Protein backbone atom coordinates (compact mmCIF):
# COMPACT_ATOMS: atom_id res chain seq x y z
CA MET A 1 18.63 -18.93 64.17
CA SER A 2 20.94 -17.13 66.64
CA ARG A 3 19.46 -15.11 69.47
CA VAL A 4 20.87 -11.85 68.02
CA ILE A 5 19.26 -12.46 64.62
CA ARG A 6 16.01 -13.60 66.21
CA ASP A 7 15.82 -10.48 68.41
CA ALA A 8 16.59 -8.22 65.42
CA ARG A 9 13.87 -9.92 63.39
CA ARG A 10 11.38 -9.43 66.21
CA ARG A 11 12.21 -5.71 66.43
CA VAL A 12 11.64 -5.29 62.70
CA LEU A 13 8.33 -7.16 62.83
CA HIS A 14 7.17 -5.18 65.86
CA GLY A 15 8.02 -1.95 64.04
CA VAL A 16 6.03 -3.01 60.98
CA THR A 17 3.12 -3.97 63.23
CA LYS A 18 3.07 -0.45 64.69
CA VAL A 19 3.16 1.10 61.20
CA ARG A 20 0.26 -1.08 60.06
CA GLY A 21 -1.69 0.10 63.07
CA LEU A 22 -1.49 3.68 61.79
CA LEU A 23 -3.09 2.82 58.44
CA PRO A 24 -6.84 2.65 57.79
CA GLN A 25 -8.01 -0.94 58.22
CA ARG A 26 -9.04 -1.37 54.58
CA VAL A 27 -5.71 -0.04 53.34
CA SER A 28 -3.73 -2.23 55.70
CA ASP A 29 -5.73 -5.30 54.74
CA ALA A 30 -5.36 -4.62 51.00
CA ILE A 31 -1.58 -4.39 51.34
CA PHE A 32 -0.67 -6.87 54.07
CA HIS A 33 -3.73 -9.19 54.34
CA LEU A 34 -3.10 -9.47 58.08
CA PRO A 35 -5.35 -8.92 61.09
CA ASP A 36 -4.65 -5.79 63.11
CA THR A 37 -6.96 -5.97 66.12
CA LEU A 38 -7.69 -8.50 68.87
CA CYS A 39 -11.02 -9.72 70.21
CA PRO A 40 -10.72 -11.45 73.60
CA ASP A 41 -14.40 -12.50 73.77
CA ALA A 42 -15.81 -14.24 70.69
CA ARG A 43 -19.19 -14.85 72.33
CA SER A 44 -19.75 -11.17 73.03
CA LEU A 45 -18.78 -10.33 69.45
CA ALA A 46 -21.18 -13.01 68.19
CA ALA A 47 -24.01 -11.53 70.25
CA ALA A 48 -23.28 -8.04 68.94
CA GLU A 49 -23.13 -9.20 65.31
CA GLY A 50 -26.07 -11.60 65.47
CA TRP A 51 -23.99 -14.75 64.83
CA ARG A 52 -25.00 -18.07 66.28
CA SER A 53 -23.19 -19.25 69.41
CA THR A 54 -23.77 -22.04 71.90
CA ASP A 55 -22.58 -23.22 75.28
CA LEU A 56 -20.73 -26.56 75.26
CA GLY A 57 -20.48 -27.25 78.97
CA PRO A 58 -18.00 -26.59 81.76
CA HIS A 59 -14.24 -26.26 81.28
CA GLU A 60 -12.88 -28.67 83.87
CA ILE A 61 -9.63 -30.36 84.81
CA ARG A 62 -9.10 -33.12 87.37
CA LEU A 63 -6.06 -33.65 89.59
CA PRO A 64 -4.83 -37.21 90.18
CA GLU A 65 -4.48 -39.18 93.37
CA VAL A 66 -0.77 -38.88 94.20
CA MET A 67 1.12 -41.91 95.46
CA GLU A 68 3.12 -41.69 98.65
CA GLY A 69 6.85 -41.87 97.92
CA SER A 70 6.73 -39.47 94.96
CA SER A 71 9.35 -36.72 94.73
CA PRO A 72 8.02 -33.76 96.77
CA GLU A 73 10.13 -31.25 94.80
CA ILE A 74 8.85 -32.47 91.44
CA LEU A 75 5.28 -32.61 92.72
CA ALA A 76 5.52 -29.04 93.96
CA ALA A 77 6.79 -27.93 90.53
CA LEU A 78 3.99 -29.79 88.76
CA GLU A 79 1.33 -28.26 90.98
CA ARG A 80 2.75 -24.76 90.42
CA GLY A 81 2.42 -25.31 86.68
CA VAL A 82 -1.28 -26.15 86.81
CA ARG A 83 -3.58 -23.45 85.50
CA HIS A 84 -7.04 -23.83 86.96
CA PRO A 85 -10.04 -22.68 84.92
CA ALA A 86 -11.82 -19.65 86.31
CA PRO A 87 -14.92 -20.42 88.38
CA GLY A 88 -17.81 -21.05 86.03
CA ALA A 89 -15.59 -21.22 82.92
CA ARG A 90 -17.44 -22.69 79.92
CA LEU A 91 -16.56 -24.16 76.55
CA PHE A 92 -18.34 -22.65 73.56
CA ALA A 93 -18.79 -22.59 69.79
CA VAL A 94 -19.56 -19.73 67.40
CA GLU A 95 -20.59 -19.65 63.76
CA VAL A 96 -18.88 -16.78 61.95
CA PRO A 97 -19.72 -15.73 58.36
CA ARG A 98 -16.78 -14.72 56.15
CA ALA A 99 -14.23 -15.60 58.82
CA ARG A 100 -10.62 -16.12 57.81
CA VAL A 101 -8.12 -18.70 59.04
CA LEU A 102 -4.43 -17.90 58.78
CA GLY A 103 -1.35 -20.10 58.64
CA GLN A 104 -0.27 -23.42 60.01
CA THR A 105 -1.33 -22.28 63.49
CA CYS A 106 -4.91 -21.98 62.12
CA THR A 107 -5.62 -18.59 63.68
CA ALA A 108 -9.32 -17.60 63.49
CA ILE A 109 -9.99 -14.04 62.27
CA ALA A 110 -13.40 -12.37 62.26
CA PRO A 111 -14.53 -10.02 59.45
CA GLY A 112 -12.78 -6.69 59.84
CA GLY A 113 -9.42 -8.26 60.71
CA CYS A 114 -10.03 -9.13 64.38
CA VAL A 115 -8.20 -12.15 65.86
CA LEU A 116 -10.54 -14.27 67.99
CA GLU A 117 -8.17 -14.69 70.93
CA ASP A 118 -10.28 -17.06 73.00
CA ILE A 119 -10.54 -19.40 69.98
CA SER A 120 -6.91 -19.07 68.88
CA PRO A 121 -4.96 -18.14 72.03
CA ASP A 122 -1.28 -17.28 71.75
CA ILE A 123 1.61 -19.11 73.41
CA MET A 124 5.11 -17.99 74.42
CA ARG A 125 4.16 -14.34 73.98
CA ASP A 126 7.30 -12.85 75.66
CA GLY A 127 5.73 -9.39 75.73
CA ARG A 128 4.81 -9.20 72.03
CA PRO A 129 1.28 -8.87 70.64
CA HIS A 130 -0.57 -11.94 69.38
CA ARG A 131 1.48 -13.95 66.86
CA ALA A 132 -1.00 -13.28 64.04
CA VAL A 133 -0.45 -9.51 64.22
CA SER A 134 3.24 -9.40 65.13
CA THR A 135 5.21 -12.27 63.59
CA ARG A 136 4.63 -11.70 59.85
CA LEU A 137 5.41 -8.96 57.37
CA PHE A 138 2.47 -9.93 55.18
CA ALA A 139 0.18 -12.82 54.23
CA GLN A 140 -1.13 -14.14 50.94
CA PRO A 141 -4.59 -12.95 49.89
CA PRO A 142 -7.15 -15.37 51.30
CA ARG A 143 -8.53 -18.17 49.15
CA ARG A 144 -12.31 -18.60 49.44
CA LEU A 145 -13.93 -21.79 50.74
CA GLY A 146 -17.66 -22.35 50.26
CA GLY A 147 -19.95 -24.17 52.66
CA ARG A 148 -19.78 -24.71 56.40
CA ILE A 149 -16.17 -25.15 57.56
CA GLY A 150 -15.13 -26.66 60.89
CA LEU A 151 -11.98 -25.35 62.57
CA ALA A 152 -10.02 -28.19 64.19
CA GLY A 153 -6.50 -26.82 63.71
CA ASP A 154 -4.41 -25.49 66.56
CA VAL A 155 -0.81 -24.45 67.23
CA GLY A 156 0.42 -27.94 68.12
CA HIS A 157 0.84 -30.57 65.41
CA LYS A 158 4.32 -32.09 65.78
CA ASN A 159 3.67 -35.11 68.02
CA ILE A 160 0.91 -37.48 69.02
CA TYR A 161 0.09 -35.70 72.28
CA LEU A 162 -0.56 -32.40 70.49
CA TRP A 163 -2.77 -34.07 67.89
CA MET A 164 -4.71 -36.02 70.52
CA PHE A 165 -5.33 -33.19 72.96
CA ASP A 166 -5.09 -29.92 70.99
CA ILE A 167 -6.66 -30.89 67.66
CA LEU A 168 -8.90 -33.97 67.81
CA PRO A 169 -11.07 -32.76 70.74
CA ARG A 170 -12.05 -29.69 68.71
CA ILE A 171 -13.71 -32.04 66.23
CA GLU A 172 -16.00 -33.29 69.00
CA LEU A 173 -16.74 -29.73 70.14
CA VAL A 174 -17.60 -28.54 66.61
CA ARG A 175 -20.02 -31.44 66.18
CA ALA A 176 -21.50 -30.91 69.64
CA ALA A 177 -22.39 -27.34 68.63
CA GLY A 178 -25.14 -28.73 66.40
CA PHE A 179 -24.87 -26.02 63.74
CA GLY A 180 -25.22 -28.46 60.87
CA GLU A 181 -23.16 -30.76 58.67
CA ILE A 182 -19.52 -29.76 58.22
CA ASP A 183 -18.39 -29.66 54.58
CA ARG A 184 -14.65 -29.31 55.20
CA TRP A 185 -12.27 -29.28 58.17
CA ILE A 186 -9.36 -26.85 58.53
CA LEU A 187 -6.23 -28.50 59.91
CA PRO A 188 -2.51 -27.74 60.03
CA GLN A 189 -0.25 -29.05 57.30
CA SER A 190 1.86 -31.66 59.06
CA ASN A 191 4.34 -34.42 58.36
CA PHE A 192 3.30 -36.30 61.48
CA PRO A 193 2.97 -39.87 60.16
CA VAL A 194 -0.21 -41.04 61.90
CA ALA A 195 -2.19 -37.79 61.60
CA GLY A 196 -4.27 -39.16 58.73
CA GLU A 197 -5.17 -42.31 60.64
CA LEU A 198 -6.11 -40.32 63.77
CA LEU A 199 -8.40 -38.09 61.71
CA ALA A 200 -9.97 -41.04 59.90
CA ARG A 201 -10.87 -42.60 63.25
CA CYS A 202 -12.56 -39.31 64.14
CA GLY A 203 -14.63 -39.46 60.96
CA VAL A 204 -12.61 -36.85 59.04
CA PRO A 205 -11.48 -38.47 55.76
CA ALA A 206 -8.69 -37.01 53.64
CA GLU A 207 -11.08 -35.59 51.03
CA SER A 208 -12.77 -33.38 53.65
CA GLN A 209 -9.52 -31.91 55.00
CA GLU A 210 -8.23 -28.43 54.17
CA ARG A 211 -4.60 -28.39 55.33
CA LEU A 212 -2.93 -25.01 55.91
CA GLY A 213 0.82 -24.43 55.85
CA TYR A 214 2.66 -21.27 56.88
CA TRP A 215 1.39 -19.35 53.85
CA GLY A 216 -2.09 -20.83 53.99
CA HIS A 217 -4.89 -18.28 54.25
CA VAL A 218 -8.57 -18.96 53.59
CA GLU A 219 -11.84 -17.07 53.88
CA CYS A 220 -14.76 -19.31 54.80
CA GLU A 221 -18.35 -18.79 53.73
CA THR A 222 -19.24 -19.94 57.26
CA LEU A 223 -16.75 -20.98 59.94
CA VAL A 224 -17.71 -23.05 62.98
CA ALA A 225 -15.04 -22.45 65.60
CA THR A 226 -14.77 -23.39 69.26
CA SER A 227 -12.84 -22.56 72.35
CA PRO A 228 -9.83 -24.84 72.88
CA ALA A 229 -10.75 -28.08 74.64
CA GLY A 230 -8.45 -26.99 77.46
CA PHE A 231 -5.44 -24.88 78.29
CA ARG A 232 -2.14 -25.79 76.62
CA SER A 233 -0.74 -29.02 78.20
CA HIS A 234 -3.88 -29.35 80.34
CA PRO A 235 -5.79 -32.44 79.10
CA THR A 236 -9.39 -32.65 80.27
CA PRO A 237 -11.69 -35.52 81.29
CA ARG A 238 -14.02 -34.64 78.39
CA SER A 239 -11.19 -35.00 75.87
CA VAL A 240 -10.19 -38.36 77.36
CA GLU A 241 -13.76 -39.67 77.07
CA TYR A 242 -13.98 -38.60 73.43
CA LEU A 243 -10.57 -40.01 72.46
CA ARG A 244 -11.34 -43.36 74.05
CA SER A 245 -14.59 -43.55 72.10
CA VAL A 246 -12.96 -42.95 68.70
CA LEU A 247 -9.51 -44.51 69.08
CA ARG A 248 -10.54 -47.69 70.88
CA PRO A 249 -14.31 -47.91 70.54
CA SER A 250 -14.70 -51.63 71.32
CA ALA A 251 -16.26 -52.56 74.64
CA SER A 252 -13.05 -54.03 76.02
CA ILE A 253 -10.83 -51.93 78.23
CA VAL A 254 -8.41 -54.72 79.03
CA PRO A 255 -7.65 -57.98 77.19
CA GLY A 256 -10.30 -60.57 78.00
CA ALA A 257 -13.22 -58.21 78.50
CA THR A 258 -16.63 -59.73 77.97
CA ALA A 259 -19.05 -58.74 75.24
CA GLY A 260 -21.04 -56.82 77.84
CA GLY A 261 -18.07 -54.58 78.50
CA THR A 262 -17.08 -55.88 81.95
CA SER A 263 -13.34 -56.34 82.40
CA PRO A 264 -11.45 -58.73 84.61
CA PRO A 265 -8.79 -57.18 86.86
CA SER A 266 -5.70 -56.46 84.80
CA THR A 267 -2.26 -57.63 85.87
CA ARG A 268 -0.37 -56.17 82.89
CA ARG A 269 2.51 -53.94 83.89
CA ILE A 270 4.66 -52.10 81.35
CA TYR A 271 7.82 -50.06 81.24
CA ILE A 272 7.93 -47.71 78.23
CA GLY A 273 11.50 -47.16 77.07
CA ARG A 274 12.87 -44.50 74.74
CA ARG A 275 15.29 -44.82 71.84
CA GLY A 276 15.40 -41.11 70.95
CA ARG A 277 16.07 -38.16 73.21
CA ARG A 278 15.77 -38.48 77.01
CA ARG A 279 17.11 -42.03 76.91
CA LEU A 280 17.62 -43.76 80.25
CA VAL A 281 21.33 -44.53 80.47
CA ASN A 282 20.90 -47.17 83.18
CA GLU A 283 17.87 -48.74 81.50
CA SER A 284 19.24 -52.29 81.51
CA GLU A 285 19.58 -52.12 85.29
CA LEU A 286 16.01 -50.85 85.64
CA ILE A 287 14.58 -53.53 83.32
CA ALA A 288 16.40 -56.22 85.28
CA ALA A 289 14.78 -54.93 88.48
CA LEU A 290 11.29 -54.57 87.02
CA SER A 291 11.10 -57.88 85.14
CA PRO A 292 10.70 -60.03 88.31
CA LEU A 293 7.78 -57.75 89.25
CA GLY A 294 5.96 -58.74 86.05
CA PHE A 295 6.85 -55.79 83.82
CA GLU A 296 6.99 -55.96 80.03
CA THR A 297 9.27 -53.53 78.18
CA VAL A 298 7.75 -51.56 75.29
CA TYR A 299 9.29 -49.15 72.76
CA PHE A 300 6.90 -47.09 70.67
CA GLU A 301 9.46 -46.25 67.99
CA GLY A 302 8.58 -48.17 64.82
CA LEU A 303 5.12 -49.26 66.02
CA THR A 304 1.90 -48.44 64.20
CA LEU A 305 -0.79 -46.41 65.92
CA GLN A 306 -2.79 -49.54 66.69
CA GLN A 307 0.28 -51.34 68.03
CA GLN A 308 1.00 -48.42 70.37
CA ILE A 309 -2.59 -48.45 71.62
CA ASP A 310 -2.50 -52.22 72.12
CA ALA A 311 0.82 -51.98 73.98
CA VAL A 312 -0.79 -49.83 76.68
CA ALA A 313 -4.35 -51.16 76.61
CA GLY A 314 -5.37 -52.62 79.94
CA ALA A 315 -2.09 -51.97 81.75
CA SER A 316 -2.49 -51.62 85.51
CA CYS A 317 0.90 -49.98 86.13
CA ILE A 318 2.98 -47.92 83.71
CA VAL A 319 6.55 -46.72 84.31
CA ALA A 320 8.01 -44.25 81.81
CA THR A 321 10.09 -41.16 81.15
CA HIS A 322 8.10 -38.04 80.27
CA GLY A 323 7.28 -38.05 76.55
CA ALA A 324 4.46 -37.47 74.07
CA GLY A 325 3.75 -41.20 73.71
CA LEU A 326 2.31 -41.20 77.21
CA ALA A 327 -0.83 -39.78 75.61
CA HIS A 328 -1.76 -43.45 75.16
CA ILE A 329 -2.27 -43.94 78.92
CA ILE A 330 -5.92 -43.12 78.21
CA HIS A 331 -6.21 -46.81 77.26
CA ALA A 332 -4.82 -48.15 80.56
CA ALA A 333 -6.99 -50.14 82.94
CA PRO A 334 -9.43 -48.26 85.19
CA GLY A 335 -7.63 -47.13 88.33
CA ALA A 336 -4.18 -47.84 86.88
CA SER A 337 -1.00 -46.19 88.18
CA LEU A 338 1.48 -44.03 86.25
CA ILE A 339 5.04 -43.54 87.51
CA GLU A 340 6.79 -40.81 85.54
CA PHE A 341 10.49 -39.87 85.44
CA LEU A 342 11.03 -36.08 85.39
CA THR A 343 14.03 -33.78 85.73
CA PRO A 344 13.92 -30.64 87.93
CA GLU A 345 14.76 -28.59 84.81
CA TYR A 346 11.77 -29.91 82.83
CA PRO A 347 8.88 -30.62 85.21
CA LYS A 348 5.99 -30.64 82.73
CA MET A 349 2.57 -31.20 84.33
CA THR A 350 1.01 -32.67 81.16
CA PHE A 351 0.79 -36.29 82.28
CA PHE A 352 0.21 -35.41 85.91
CA LEU A 353 -3.03 -33.86 84.68
CA LEU A 354 -3.72 -36.60 82.14
CA ALA A 355 -3.48 -39.20 84.93
CA GLY A 356 -6.10 -37.17 86.80
CA ALA A 357 -8.33 -36.91 83.71
CA CYS A 358 -8.11 -40.71 83.39
CA ARG A 359 -8.76 -41.27 87.14
CA MET A 360 -5.34 -42.89 87.49
CA ARG A 361 -2.99 -42.76 90.44
CA TYR A 362 0.18 -40.77 89.83
CA GLY A 363 3.73 -41.04 91.08
CA CYS A 364 6.88 -39.20 90.02
CA ILE A 365 10.60 -39.77 90.51
CA GLU A 366 13.22 -37.07 90.10
CA VAL A 367 15.92 -38.08 87.64
CA LYS A 368 19.25 -36.49 86.81
CA GLY A 369 20.32 -35.28 83.39
CA VAL A 370 23.57 -36.80 82.17
CA LYS A 371 26.04 -33.96 81.65
CA ALA A 372 27.88 -35.72 78.84
CA SER A 373 24.72 -36.03 76.74
CA SER A 374 23.90 -33.39 74.15
CA GLY A 375 20.81 -31.23 73.97
CA ASN A 376 18.91 -28.91 76.28
CA ALA A 377 17.18 -29.92 79.49
CA ALA A 378 14.21 -31.30 77.55
CA ALA A 379 16.40 -33.57 75.40
CA ARG A 380 19.21 -34.68 77.71
CA ASP A 381 19.72 -38.36 78.55
CA ILE A 382 18.90 -39.25 82.15
CA ALA A 383 19.74 -41.64 84.97
CA VAL A 384 17.19 -42.89 87.51
CA SER A 385 17.47 -44.38 90.98
CA VAL A 386 16.47 -48.01 90.49
CA PRO A 387 15.78 -48.66 94.23
CA ALA A 388 13.51 -45.57 94.39
CA THR A 389 11.64 -46.75 91.30
CA VAL A 390 11.15 -50.27 92.65
CA ASP A 391 9.94 -48.86 95.98
CA LEU A 392 7.32 -46.70 94.27
CA VAL A 393 6.28 -49.59 92.01
CA ARG A 394 5.70 -51.79 95.06
CA ARG A 395 3.57 -49.06 96.61
CA ALA A 396 1.55 -48.85 93.39
CA THR A 397 1.05 -52.59 92.93
CA GLY A 398 0.88 -53.70 96.56
CA ASP A 399 3.63 -56.33 96.02
């Protein structure tokens, strides 16, 4: 969609949103079936309405130990991107009768048409109201779901990182609330190939899933909903602990661990290559330099979920370009090191923070986008300084 058409569409939708706001709530809801107000504090609303709510512990992030020799410019950009929780910030759950959930983004709506913003926060708002009240002309009438429904769905559902850190941790939070057995789980409709396997490992079989697409709209007899596990692209130590327990529950952290759970020091070192976007154009040169240092080369494309986990499990040093597959570093050896390639145009702090959540050491190298390659800054092929990479690897491994 061109920018002109997109901007025109937004103006039309914003105009309709204003018109809806002039109508009585019951009239607006009967015609459009959309929410028209925002509630920034679900816990206060729960207290006022007499709904159950519970505290689920502190909202915390952890910064990593940064390796000397990392790019200072990239590090500065990563640190600027970090959003720290407010002092005393807490995770929570609420139980809402007759709540609705709208669309593939799984937006939670309280009775009366109020979007629960601190359960379903917006992203990329660019000055507009919340997506649920400003990006649709209308919605389908809600379909009713009986029983106690758990809300696990979130905005992100297109890659493994988004499933692992935006969706799956909500399952743990819903269960930790202790409000009772969940009859069905609301999740986004998704073509992501391993979503079903990820959910099965979390104890959510296919028959208990209620998948919502763009036109999906349900009203729940009782909805158990939680705050997000963390800010967008801000993985937390709690999420890491949960994901390790369900995705790789055996006692071993590295190959050769004993039955008691103790692990010998790992010497596995891996370079994770890419065959899709953000390919490393001088990869053969890098592999030739890393191989004598004991590095294996791994490509996730074409591997099963278990094969991807096994490829990273127990690694003591990981070198890779930024990409969603780095979510698997949660299975690296305790105290492992991550060296990430990042461009100045796309300095995402996701795996900087994930390294911290995993108690890993972190290093970053600035790479250059190849002008001849197609795509935006997030997709462009890159070239890396092999000597700079080898130097940082030696600092990480002590070789």
